[in-house]
Amino acid sequence: MKQLLDFFITFCKIGGLTFGGGYAMLPLLQKEVVENKGWVKEEELVEYYAISQCIPGPMAVSIAILVGYKQKGIACAIFAALGIIMPSIIIIMLLAALFQEIMDIPLVGHAFAGIRIAVVALVIQSVVVLGKSGVKDIYGLLIMVVAFILATFTDISIIYIIVAAGILGIFIRKRGEDTK
């Protein structure tokens, strides 16, 4: 039970400190579940991040479930998922009750502007961390650049880009194995 509570508290902390969605959560996840707790390796976290991009639902919940399940199975996955969503539920309920009253306060508007800037910095830091562990060779770099260009400058669905990148990855790795 102590381990389940540890997962709940750890993911609750991550969920409570993450503003800006799943991308902003990556530095906290890396720090907590890789460095502090040692529950997964950095490469595994990158894989979980990629998987969570390909399945329905919030990325944060998917990653929490994958990390929890890897460690102690279904019970741990449930506690991790509950931990990651609990702060959001509480904050959303409070904001919903107070939203109209607080948004007219200039100080609140300035605070949200500052939070948005900090979130951009966290997303950039996540890109650097993912890039270091995810891009292993020139082919990975090329796939990343093409995926970025397609996602940024075209109307092609992200799903198609992810599937195409996966197929290219399989083809490139298979071709590399055949030449050995």
N, C-alpha and C. Protein backbone atom coordinates (compact mmCIF):
# COMPACT_ATOMS: atom_id res chain seq x y z
N MET A 1 0.82 -1.19 0.00
CA MET A 1 0.00 0.00 0.00
C MET A 1 0.87 1.26 0.00
N LYS A 2 2.04 1.17 0.66
CA LYS A 2 2.94 2.33 0.72
C LYS A 2 3.41 2.72 -0.69
N GLN A 3 3.72 1.72 -1.52
CA GLN A 3 4.16 2.01 -2.88
C GLN A 3 3.05 2.65 -3.70
N LEU A 4 1.83 2.18 -3.51
CA LEU A 4 0.69 2.77 -4.24
C LEU A 4 0.51 4.23 -3.83
N LEU A 5 0.64 4.50 -2.55
CA LEU A 5 0.52 5.86 -2.06
C LEU A 5 1.66 6.73 -2.59
N ASP A 6 2.86 6.15 -2.69
CA ASP A 6 4.00 6.87 -3.25
C ASP A 6 3.73 7.25 -4.71
N PHE A 7 3.17 6.33 -5.47
CA PHE A 7 2.82 6.64 -6.86
C PHE A 7 1.76 7.73 -6.92
N PHE A 8 0.74 7.61 -6.08
CA PHE A 8 -0.33 8.62 -6.07
C PHE A 8 0.25 10.00 -5.74
N ILE A 9 1.04 10.10 -4.69
CA ILE A 9 1.59 11.39 -4.26
C ILE A 9 2.55 11.96 -5.32
N THR A 10 3.41 11.12 -5.87
CA THR A 10 4.36 11.58 -6.88
C THR A 10 3.62 12.14 -8.10
N PHE A 11 2.66 11.38 -8.60
CA PHE A 11 1.93 11.85 -9.79
C PHE A 11 0.98 12.99 -9.45
N CYS A 12 0.51 13.06 -8.24
CA CYS A 12 -0.31 14.19 -7.79
C CYS A 12 0.55 15.47 -7.81
N LYS A 13 1.78 15.34 -7.36
CA LYS A 13 2.70 16.48 -7.37
C LYS A 13 2.98 16.93 -8.81
N ILE A 14 3.22 15.98 -9.68
CA ILE A 14 3.47 16.31 -11.08
C ILE A 14 2.23 16.97 -11.68
N GLY A 15 1.07 16.40 -11.44
CA GLY A 15 -0.18 16.96 -11.96
C GLY A 15 -0.48 18.33 -11.40
N GLY A 16 -0.11 18.57 -10.16
CA GLY A 16 -0.37 19.86 -9.53
C GLY A 16 0.59 20.96 -9.95
N LEU A 17 1.74 20.58 -10.45
CA LEU A 17 2.74 21.57 -10.84
C LEU A 17 2.84 21.75 -12.35
N THR A 18 2.00 21.07 -13.10
CA THR A 18 2.06 21.14 -14.55
C THR A 18 1.00 22.09 -15.07
N PHE A 19 1.45 23.19 -15.59
CA PHE A 19 0.56 24.13 -16.25
C PHE A 19 0.92 24.14 -17.72
N GLY A 20 -0.07 24.00 -18.57
CA GLY A 20 0.19 24.06 -20.00
C GLY A 20 0.08 22.72 -20.70
N GLY A 21 -0.38 21.69 -20.02
CA GLY A 21 -0.62 20.43 -20.69
C GLY A 21 0.54 19.46 -20.61
N GLY A 22 0.40 18.38 -21.40
CA GLY A 22 1.34 17.28 -21.35
C GLY A 22 2.77 17.62 -21.69
N TYR A 23 2.97 18.52 -22.66
CA TYR A 23 4.33 18.86 -23.05
C TYR A 23 5.07 19.54 -21.90
N ALA A 24 4.36 20.40 -21.17
CA ALA A 24 4.99 21.11 -20.06
C ALA A 24 5.30 20.16 -18.91
N MET A 25 4.65 19.02 -18.87
CA MET A 25 4.85 18.06 -17.80
C MET A 25 6.12 17.24 -17.98
N LEU A 26 6.64 17.16 -19.19
CA LEU A 26 7.77 16.27 -19.46
C LEU A 26 9.00 16.53 -18.59
N PRO A 27 9.40 17.78 -18.37
CA PRO A 27 10.57 17.97 -17.49
C PRO A 27 10.32 17.47 -16.07
N LEU A 28 9.11 17.67 -15.57
CA LEU A 28 8.79 17.18 -14.22
C LEU A 28 8.78 15.65 -14.18
N LEU A 29 8.21 15.05 -15.20
CA LEU A 29 8.21 13.58 -15.28
C LEU A 29 9.63 13.04 -15.31
N GLN A 30 10.44 13.64 -16.14
CA GLN A 30 11.82 13.19 -16.27
C GLN A 30 12.54 13.29 -14.93
N LYS A 31 12.36 14.41 -14.26
CA LYS A 31 13.02 14.63 -12.97
C LYS A 31 12.53 13.63 -11.92
N GLU A 32 11.21 13.47 -11.83
CA GLU A 32 10.64 12.63 -10.77
C GLU A 32 10.77 11.13 -11.04
N VAL A 33 10.26 10.67 -12.20
CA VAL A 33 10.18 9.23 -12.41
C VAL A 33 11.47 8.61 -12.93
N VAL A 34 12.32 9.44 -13.56
CA VAL A 34 13.60 8.91 -14.05
C VAL A 34 14.71 9.16 -13.02
N GLU A 35 14.93 10.44 -12.68
CA GLU A 35 16.06 10.79 -11.80
C GLU A 35 15.79 10.47 -10.33
N ASN A 36 14.69 10.98 -9.78
CA ASN A 36 14.45 10.83 -8.35
C ASN A 36 14.01 9.43 -7.94
N LYS A 37 13.04 8.86 -8.66
CA LYS A 37 12.48 7.57 -8.26
C LYS A 37 13.12 6.38 -8.97
N GLY A 38 13.65 6.60 -10.17
CA GLY A 38 14.25 5.51 -10.94
C GLY A 38 13.24 4.47 -11.39
N TRP A 39 11.99 4.87 -11.55
CA TRP A 39 10.96 3.92 -11.97
C TRP A 39 11.10 3.51 -13.42
N VAL A 40 11.59 4.42 -14.26
CA VAL A 40 11.83 4.09 -15.67
C VAL A 40 13.13 4.76 -16.11
N LYS A 41 13.68 4.28 -17.21
CA LYS A 41 14.85 4.92 -17.81
C LYS A 41 14.37 6.02 -18.74
N GLU A 42 15.27 6.93 -19.08
CA GLU A 42 14.91 8.05 -19.94
C GLU A 42 14.38 7.58 -21.30
N GLU A 43 15.00 6.53 -21.85
CA GLU A 43 14.56 6.00 -23.13
C GLU A 43 13.14 5.47 -23.04
N GLU A 44 12.82 4.81 -21.92
CA GLU A 44 11.46 4.30 -21.73
C GLU A 44 10.45 5.43 -21.65
N LEU A 45 10.83 6.51 -20.95
CA LEU A 45 9.94 7.66 -20.84
C LEU A 45 9.66 8.25 -22.21
N VAL A 46 10.67 8.32 -23.05
CA VAL A 46 10.48 8.84 -24.41
C VAL A 46 9.54 7.91 -25.19
N GLU A 47 9.69 6.61 -25.01
CA GLU A 47 8.80 5.66 -25.67
C GLU A 47 7.37 5.82 -25.16
N TYR A 48 7.20 6.00 -23.85
CA TYR A 48 5.86 6.19 -23.29
C TYR A 48 5.25 7.48 -23.82
N TYR A 49 6.07 8.50 -23.96
CA TYR A 49 5.60 9.76 -24.52
C TYR A 49 5.11 9.54 -25.95
N ALA A 50 5.87 8.81 -26.74
CA ALA A 50 5.48 8.54 -28.13
C ALA A 50 4.19 7.72 -28.18
N ILE A 51 4.10 6.71 -27.34
CA ILE A 51 2.88 5.89 -27.29
C ILE A 51 1.69 6.75 -26.91
N SER A 52 1.87 7.62 -25.92
CA SER A 52 0.75 8.44 -25.45
C SER A 52 0.27 9.41 -26.52
N GLN A 53 1.14 9.75 -27.47
CA GLN A 53 0.74 10.60 -28.59
C GLN A 53 -0.14 9.85 -29.58
N CYS A 54 -0.04 8.54 -29.59
CA CYS A 54 -0.74 7.72 -30.58
C CYS A 54 -2.06 7.14 -30.07
N ILE A 55 -2.35 7.31 -28.81
CA ILE A 55 -3.58 6.73 -28.26
C ILE A 55 -4.51 7.85 -27.77
N PRO A 56 -5.79 7.57 -27.72
CA PRO A 56 -6.74 8.59 -27.27
C PRO A 56 -6.56 8.92 -25.79
N GLY A 57 -6.96 10.11 -25.42
CA GLY A 57 -6.93 10.52 -24.02
C GLY A 57 -5.79 11.44 -23.70
N PRO A 58 -5.83 12.00 -22.52
CA PRO A 58 -4.78 12.93 -22.11
C PRO A 58 -3.42 12.25 -22.00
N MET A 59 -2.42 12.91 -22.53
CA MET A 59 -1.06 12.37 -22.53
C MET A 59 -0.57 12.10 -21.11
N ALA A 60 -0.84 13.01 -20.19
CA ALA A 60 -0.37 12.85 -18.80
C ALA A 60 -0.91 11.58 -18.18
N VAL A 61 -2.18 11.31 -18.39
CA VAL A 61 -2.80 10.11 -17.81
C VAL A 61 -2.20 8.86 -18.44
N SER A 62 -2.02 8.88 -19.74
CA SER A 62 -1.45 7.71 -20.43
C SER A 62 -0.05 7.39 -19.91
N ILE A 63 0.78 8.42 -19.77
CA ILE A 63 2.15 8.19 -19.29
C ILE A 63 2.13 7.69 -17.85
N ALA A 64 1.28 8.27 -17.01
CA ALA A 64 1.19 7.82 -15.61
C ALA A 64 0.78 6.36 -15.56
N ILE A 65 -0.18 5.98 -16.37
CA ILE A 65 -0.64 4.58 -16.40
C ILE A 65 0.49 3.65 -16.86
N LEU A 66 1.20 4.04 -17.92
CA LEU A 66 2.29 3.20 -18.42
C LEU A 66 3.40 3.03 -17.39
N VAL A 67 3.78 4.11 -16.72
CA VAL A 67 4.83 4.03 -15.70
C VAL A 67 4.35 3.18 -14.53
N GLY A 68 3.13 3.43 -14.07
CA GLY A 68 2.59 2.65 -12.95
C GLY A 68 2.48 1.18 -13.27
N TYR A 69 1.98 0.88 -14.46
CA TYR A 69 1.81 -0.52 -14.85
C TYR A 69 3.16 -1.23 -14.93
N LYS A 70 4.17 -0.55 -15.48
CA LYS A 70 5.50 -1.16 -15.59
C LYS A 70 6.03 -1.54 -14.21
N GLN A 71 5.78 -0.71 -13.22
CA GLN A 71 6.33 -0.94 -11.90
C GLN A 71 5.60 -2.03 -11.12
N LYS A 72 4.28 -1.89 -10.99
CA LYS A 72 3.56 -2.81 -10.10
C LYS A 72 2.21 -3.28 -10.63
N GLY A 73 1.97 -3.12 -11.93
CA GLY A 73 0.75 -3.65 -12.51
C GLY A 73 -0.44 -2.70 -12.43
N ILE A 74 -1.61 -3.29 -12.53
CA ILE A 74 -2.85 -2.53 -12.67
C ILE A 74 -3.12 -1.61 -11.48
N ALA A 75 -2.96 -2.10 -10.26
CA ALA A 75 -3.25 -1.26 -9.08
C ALA A 75 -2.39 0.00 -9.08
N CYS A 76 -1.14 -0.15 -9.38
CA CYS A 76 -0.22 0.99 -9.41
C CYS A 76 -0.59 1.94 -10.55
N ALA A 77 -0.99 1.39 -11.69
CA ALA A 77 -1.41 2.22 -12.82
C ALA A 77 -2.63 3.06 -12.44
N ILE A 78 -3.54 2.47 -11.72
CA ILE A 78 -4.75 3.19 -11.28
C ILE A 78 -4.39 4.32 -10.32
N PHE A 79 -3.53 4.03 -9.34
CA PHE A 79 -3.13 5.07 -8.38
C PHE A 79 -2.35 6.20 -9.05
N ALA A 80 -1.50 5.84 -10.02
CA ALA A 80 -0.76 6.87 -10.75
C ALA A 80 -1.72 7.75 -11.55
N ALA A 81 -2.69 7.13 -12.22
CA ALA A 81 -3.67 7.89 -13.00
C ALA A 81 -4.50 8.79 -12.11
N LEU A 82 -4.95 8.27 -10.98
CA LEU A 82 -5.73 9.09 -10.04
C LEU A 82 -4.89 10.25 -9.51
N GLY A 83 -3.62 9.99 -9.25
CA GLY A 83 -2.74 11.04 -8.76
C GLY A 83 -2.54 12.16 -9.77
N ILE A 84 -2.37 11.79 -11.04
CA ILE A 84 -2.10 12.81 -12.06
C ILE A 84 -3.34 13.66 -12.36
N ILE A 85 -4.54 13.09 -12.20
CA ILE A 85 -5.75 13.87 -12.52
C ILE A 85 -6.33 14.62 -11.33
N MET A 86 -6.02 14.20 -10.12
CA MET A 86 -6.63 14.81 -8.93
C MET A 86 -6.41 16.33 -8.85
N PRO A 87 -5.19 16.83 -9.01
CA PRO A 87 -5.01 18.29 -8.94
C PRO A 87 -5.81 19.03 -10.01
N SER A 88 -5.88 18.47 -11.21
CA SER A 88 -6.64 19.12 -12.28
C SER A 88 -8.11 19.19 -11.94
N ILE A 89 -8.65 18.12 -11.38
CA ILE A 89 -10.06 18.12 -11.02
C ILE A 89 -10.34 19.20 -9.98
N ILE A 90 -9.49 19.28 -8.98
CA ILE A 90 -9.68 20.28 -7.92
C ILE A 90 -9.54 21.69 -8.47
N ILE A 91 -8.49 21.93 -9.26
CA ILE A 91 -8.25 23.26 -9.81
C ILE A 91 -9.37 23.67 -10.76
N ILE A 92 -9.81 22.77 -11.61
CA ILE A 92 -10.89 23.09 -12.56
C ILE A 92 -12.18 23.41 -11.82
N MET A 93 -12.49 22.67 -10.78
CA MET A 93 -13.70 22.95 -10.01
C MET A 93 -13.62 24.33 -9.35
N LEU A 94 -12.46 24.66 -8.80
CA LEU A 94 -12.30 25.98 -8.18
C LEU A 94 -12.36 27.10 -9.22
N LEU A 95 -11.67 26.91 -10.35
CA LEU A 95 -11.69 27.92 -11.39
C LEU A 95 -13.08 28.11 -11.98
N ALA A 96 -13.78 27.02 -12.17
CA ALA A 96 -15.14 27.12 -12.72
C ALA A 96 -16.03 27.95 -11.80
N ALA A 97 -15.84 27.78 -10.52
CA ALA A 97 -16.64 28.52 -9.56
C ALA A 97 -16.26 29.99 -9.51
N LEU A 98 -14.98 30.30 -9.75
CA LEU A 98 -14.49 31.67 -9.59
C LEU A 98 -14.15 32.38 -10.90
N PHE A 99 -14.22 31.68 -12.03
CA PHE A 99 -13.68 32.18 -13.29
C PHE A 99 -14.17 33.57 -13.66
N GLN A 100 -15.47 33.77 -13.69
CA GLN A 100 -15.99 35.06 -14.12
C GLN A 100 -15.52 36.20 -13.22
N GLU A 101 -15.44 35.96 -11.94
CA GLU A 101 -15.04 37.01 -11.02
C GLU A 101 -13.55 37.35 -11.12
N ILE A 102 -12.70 36.36 -11.32
CA ILE A 102 -11.26 36.62 -11.28
C ILE A 102 -10.68 37.08 -12.61
N MET A 103 -11.29 36.72 -13.74
CA MET A 103 -10.71 37.07 -15.03
C MET A 103 -10.76 38.56 -15.32
N ASP A 104 -11.62 39.29 -14.64
CA ASP A 104 -11.69 40.73 -14.83
C ASP A 104 -10.64 41.48 -14.01
N ILE A 105 -9.93 40.79 -13.17
CA ILE A 105 -8.89 41.41 -12.35
C ILE A 105 -7.61 41.48 -13.17
N PRO A 106 -7.08 42.69 -13.40
CA PRO A 106 -5.87 42.82 -14.23
C PRO A 106 -4.69 41.97 -13.74
N LEU A 107 -4.52 41.87 -12.45
CA LEU A 107 -3.41 41.09 -11.89
C LEU A 107 -3.50 39.62 -12.32
N VAL A 108 -4.71 39.08 -12.37
CA VAL A 108 -4.90 37.69 -12.80
C VAL A 108 -4.54 37.54 -14.28
N GLY A 109 -4.94 38.49 -15.10
CA GLY A 109 -4.58 38.46 -16.51
C GLY A 109 -3.08 38.49 -16.71
N HIS A 110 -2.39 39.32 -15.92
CA HIS A 110 -0.93 39.39 -16.00
C HIS A 110 -0.30 38.07 -15.54
N ALA A 111 -0.87 37.47 -14.51
CA ALA A 111 -0.35 36.19 -14.02
C ALA A 111 -0.46 35.12 -15.10
N PHE A 112 -1.62 35.06 -15.77
CA PHE A 112 -1.79 34.07 -16.84
C PHE A 112 -0.84 34.34 -18.00
N ALA A 113 -0.54 35.59 -18.30
CA ALA A 113 0.43 35.92 -19.34
C ALA A 113 1.81 35.39 -18.96
N GLY A 114 2.19 35.56 -17.70
CA GLY A 114 3.47 35.04 -17.23
C GLY A 114 3.52 33.52 -17.26
N ILE A 115 2.42 32.88 -16.88
CA ILE A 115 2.36 31.42 -16.90
C ILE A 115 2.52 30.90 -18.33
N ARG A 116 1.87 31.56 -19.30
CA ARG A 116 2.00 31.14 -20.70
C ARG A 116 3.46 31.20 -21.16
N ILE A 117 4.18 32.23 -20.75
CA ILE A 117 5.59 32.36 -21.13
C ILE A 117 6.41 31.23 -20.51
N ALA A 118 6.15 30.93 -19.25
CA ALA A 118 6.87 29.84 -18.59
C ALA A 118 6.58 28.50 -19.25
N VAL A 119 5.34 28.31 -19.70
CA VAL A 119 4.97 27.06 -20.37
C VAL A 119 5.74 26.91 -21.68
N VAL A 120 5.91 27.99 -22.41
CA VAL A 120 6.70 27.94 -23.65
C VAL A 120 8.12 27.48 -23.34
N ALA A 121 8.70 28.02 -22.27
CA ALA A 121 10.06 27.61 -21.88
C ALA A 121 10.10 26.12 -21.53
N LEU A 122 9.08 25.62 -20.84
CA LEU A 122 9.04 24.20 -20.48
C LEU A 122 8.89 23.32 -21.72
N VAL A 123 8.11 23.77 -22.69
CA VAL A 123 7.95 23.00 -23.92
C VAL A 123 9.28 22.95 -24.67
N ILE A 124 9.98 24.06 -24.75
CA ILE A 124 11.29 24.08 -25.43
C ILE A 124 12.26 23.14 -24.72
N GLN A 125 12.26 23.16 -23.40
CA GLN A 125 13.14 22.27 -22.64
C GLN A 125 12.77 20.81 -22.92
N SER A 126 11.49 20.52 -23.04
CA SER A 126 11.04 19.16 -23.35
C SER A 126 11.54 18.72 -24.72
N VAL A 127 11.50 19.63 -25.68
CA VAL A 127 11.99 19.33 -27.03
C VAL A 127 13.46 18.96 -26.97
N VAL A 128 14.23 19.70 -26.20
CA VAL A 128 15.67 19.42 -26.08
C VAL A 128 15.90 18.04 -25.46
N VAL A 129 15.19 17.74 -24.36
CA VAL A 129 15.35 16.44 -23.69
C VAL A 129 14.93 15.31 -24.62
N LEU A 130 13.78 15.44 -25.27
CA LEU A 130 13.31 14.39 -26.17
C LEU A 130 14.24 14.25 -27.38
N GLY A 131 14.72 15.37 -27.88
CA GLY A 131 15.63 15.32 -29.02
C GLY A 131 16.91 14.58 -28.70
N LYS A 132 17.46 14.82 -27.51
CA LYS A 132 18.72 14.16 -27.13
C LYS A 132 18.56 12.65 -27.02
N SER A 133 17.43 12.20 -26.48
CA SER A 133 17.28 10.76 -26.28
C SER A 133 16.52 10.09 -27.42
N GLY A 134 15.80 10.85 -28.23
CA GLY A 134 14.99 10.25 -29.28
C GLY A 134 15.67 10.20 -30.64
N VAL A 135 16.49 11.19 -30.95
CA VAL A 135 17.15 11.24 -32.24
C VAL A 135 18.52 10.59 -32.10
N LYS A 136 18.64 9.40 -32.69
CA LYS A 136 19.85 8.60 -32.51
C LYS A 136 20.80 8.65 -33.71
N ASP A 137 20.28 9.04 -34.88
CA ASP A 137 21.10 9.03 -36.08
C ASP A 137 20.55 10.04 -37.08
N ILE A 138 21.17 10.08 -38.25
CA ILE A 138 20.76 11.05 -39.28
C ILE A 138 19.34 10.78 -39.76
N TYR A 139 18.94 9.49 -39.81
CA TYR A 139 17.59 9.16 -40.25
C TYR A 139 16.55 9.69 -39.25
N GLY A 140 16.85 9.54 -37.99
CA GLY A 140 15.95 10.08 -36.97
C GLY A 140 15.84 11.59 -37.06
N LEU A 141 16.97 12.24 -37.30
CA LEU A 141 16.97 13.70 -37.46
C LEU A 141 16.14 14.11 -38.67
N LEU A 142 16.29 13.39 -39.78
CA LEU A 142 15.52 13.70 -40.98
C LEU A 142 14.01 13.49 -40.75
N ILE A 143 13.65 12.40 -40.10
CA ILE A 143 12.24 12.15 -39.80
C ILE A 143 11.70 13.26 -38.91
N MET A 144 12.48 13.67 -37.91
CA MET A 144 12.05 14.73 -37.01
C MET A 144 11.83 16.04 -37.76
N VAL A 145 12.77 16.41 -38.61
CA VAL A 145 12.67 17.68 -39.35
C VAL A 145 11.47 17.65 -40.30
N VAL A 146 11.31 16.56 -41.04
CA VAL A 146 10.18 16.46 -41.97
C VAL A 146 8.86 16.48 -41.20
N ALA A 147 8.79 15.74 -40.10
CA ALA A 147 7.56 15.73 -39.29
C ALA A 147 7.24 17.12 -38.76
N PHE A 148 8.26 17.83 -38.31
CA PHE A 148 8.06 19.20 -37.82
C PHE A 148 7.53 20.10 -38.93
N ILE A 149 8.15 20.03 -40.09
CA ILE A 149 7.72 20.88 -41.21
C ILE A 149 6.28 20.56 -41.61
N LEU A 150 5.97 19.27 -41.73
CA LEU A 150 4.61 18.88 -42.11
C LEU A 150 3.58 19.31 -41.06
N ALA A 151 3.92 19.12 -39.78
CA ALA A 151 2.99 19.47 -38.71
C ALA A 151 2.79 20.98 -38.59
N THR A 152 3.85 21.73 -38.86
CA THR A 152 3.80 23.18 -38.69
C THR A 152 3.23 23.91 -39.89
N PHE A 153 3.56 23.46 -41.08
CA PHE A 153 3.24 24.25 -42.27
C PHE A 153 2.20 23.63 -43.20
N THR A 154 1.63 22.51 -42.82
CA THR A 154 0.58 21.90 -43.65
C THR A 154 -0.63 21.57 -42.79
N ASP A 155 -1.69 21.18 -43.45
CA ASP A 155 -2.90 20.77 -42.74
C ASP A 155 -2.98 19.25 -42.58
N ILE A 156 -1.88 18.56 -42.80
CA ILE A 156 -1.86 17.10 -42.66
C ILE A 156 -2.08 16.75 -41.20
N SER A 157 -2.96 15.80 -40.96
CA SER A 157 -3.27 15.38 -39.60
C SER A 157 -2.02 14.82 -38.91
N ILE A 158 -1.87 15.16 -37.65
CA ILE A 158 -0.75 14.66 -36.84
C ILE A 158 -0.75 13.13 -36.82
N ILE A 159 -1.92 12.54 -36.84
CA ILE A 159 -2.02 11.08 -36.82
C ILE A 159 -1.30 10.48 -38.03
N TYR A 160 -1.53 11.06 -39.21
CA TYR A 160 -0.87 10.55 -40.42
C TYR A 160 0.65 10.73 -40.33
N ILE A 161 1.07 11.85 -39.77
CA ILE A 161 2.51 12.11 -39.64
C ILE A 161 3.14 11.09 -38.70
N ILE A 162 2.48 10.80 -37.58
CA ILE A 162 3.01 9.83 -36.62
C ILE A 162 3.05 8.43 -37.23
N VAL A 163 1.98 8.04 -37.91
CA VAL A 163 1.95 6.72 -38.54
C VAL A 163 3.04 6.61 -39.60
N ALA A 164 3.18 7.65 -40.43
CA ALA A 164 4.21 7.63 -41.48
C ALA A 164 5.61 7.55 -40.86
N ALA A 165 5.84 8.30 -39.78
CA ALA A 165 7.14 8.26 -39.10
C ALA A 165 7.41 6.86 -38.54
N GLY A 166 6.38 6.24 -37.99
CA GLY A 166 6.53 4.87 -37.48
C GLY A 166 6.89 3.88 -38.58
N ILE A 167 6.20 4.00 -39.71
CA ILE A 167 6.48 3.11 -40.84
C ILE A 167 7.89 3.35 -41.37
N LEU A 168 8.27 4.62 -41.48
CA LEU A 168 9.65 4.93 -41.91
C LEU A 168 10.67 4.36 -40.93
N GLY A 169 10.39 4.50 -39.63
CA GLY A 169 11.30 3.96 -38.62
C GLY A 169 11.47 2.45 -38.76
N ILE A 170 10.36 1.76 -38.99
CA ILE A 170 10.42 0.31 -39.18
C ILE A 170 11.25 -0.01 -40.43
N PHE A 171 10.96 0.67 -41.52
CA PHE A 171 11.67 0.43 -42.77
C PHE A 171 13.17 0.69 -42.62
N ILE A 172 13.53 1.81 -42.01
CA ILE A 172 14.94 2.17 -41.86
C ILE A 172 15.66 1.18 -40.95
N ARG A 173 15.06 0.82 -39.83
CA ARG A 173 15.71 -0.12 -38.91
C ARG A 173 15.81 -1.52 -39.53
N LYS A 174 14.76 -1.92 -40.23
CA LYS A 174 14.77 -3.24 -40.88
C LYS A 174 15.85 -3.28 -41.95
N ARG A 175 15.96 -2.21 -42.73
CA ARG A 175 16.99 -2.13 -43.75
C ARG A 175 18.39 -2.18 -43.13
N GLY A 176 18.55 -1.52 -41.98
CA GLY A 176 19.83 -1.53 -41.27
C GLY A 176 20.19 -2.91 -40.76
N GLU A 177 19.17 -3.67 -40.32
CA GLU A 177 19.42 -5.03 -39.83
C GLU A 177 19.78 -5.95 -40.99
N ASP A 178 19.15 -5.74 -42.14
CA ASP A 178 19.41 -6.60 -43.31
C ASP A 178 20.81 -6.42 -43.86
N THR A 179 21.41 -5.22 -43.64
CA THR A 179 22.75 -4.98 -44.16
C THR A 179 23.83 -5.50 -43.22
N LYS A 180 23.45 -5.94 -42.04
CA LYS A 180 24.45 -6.44 -41.08
C LYS A 180 24.77 -7.87 -41.31
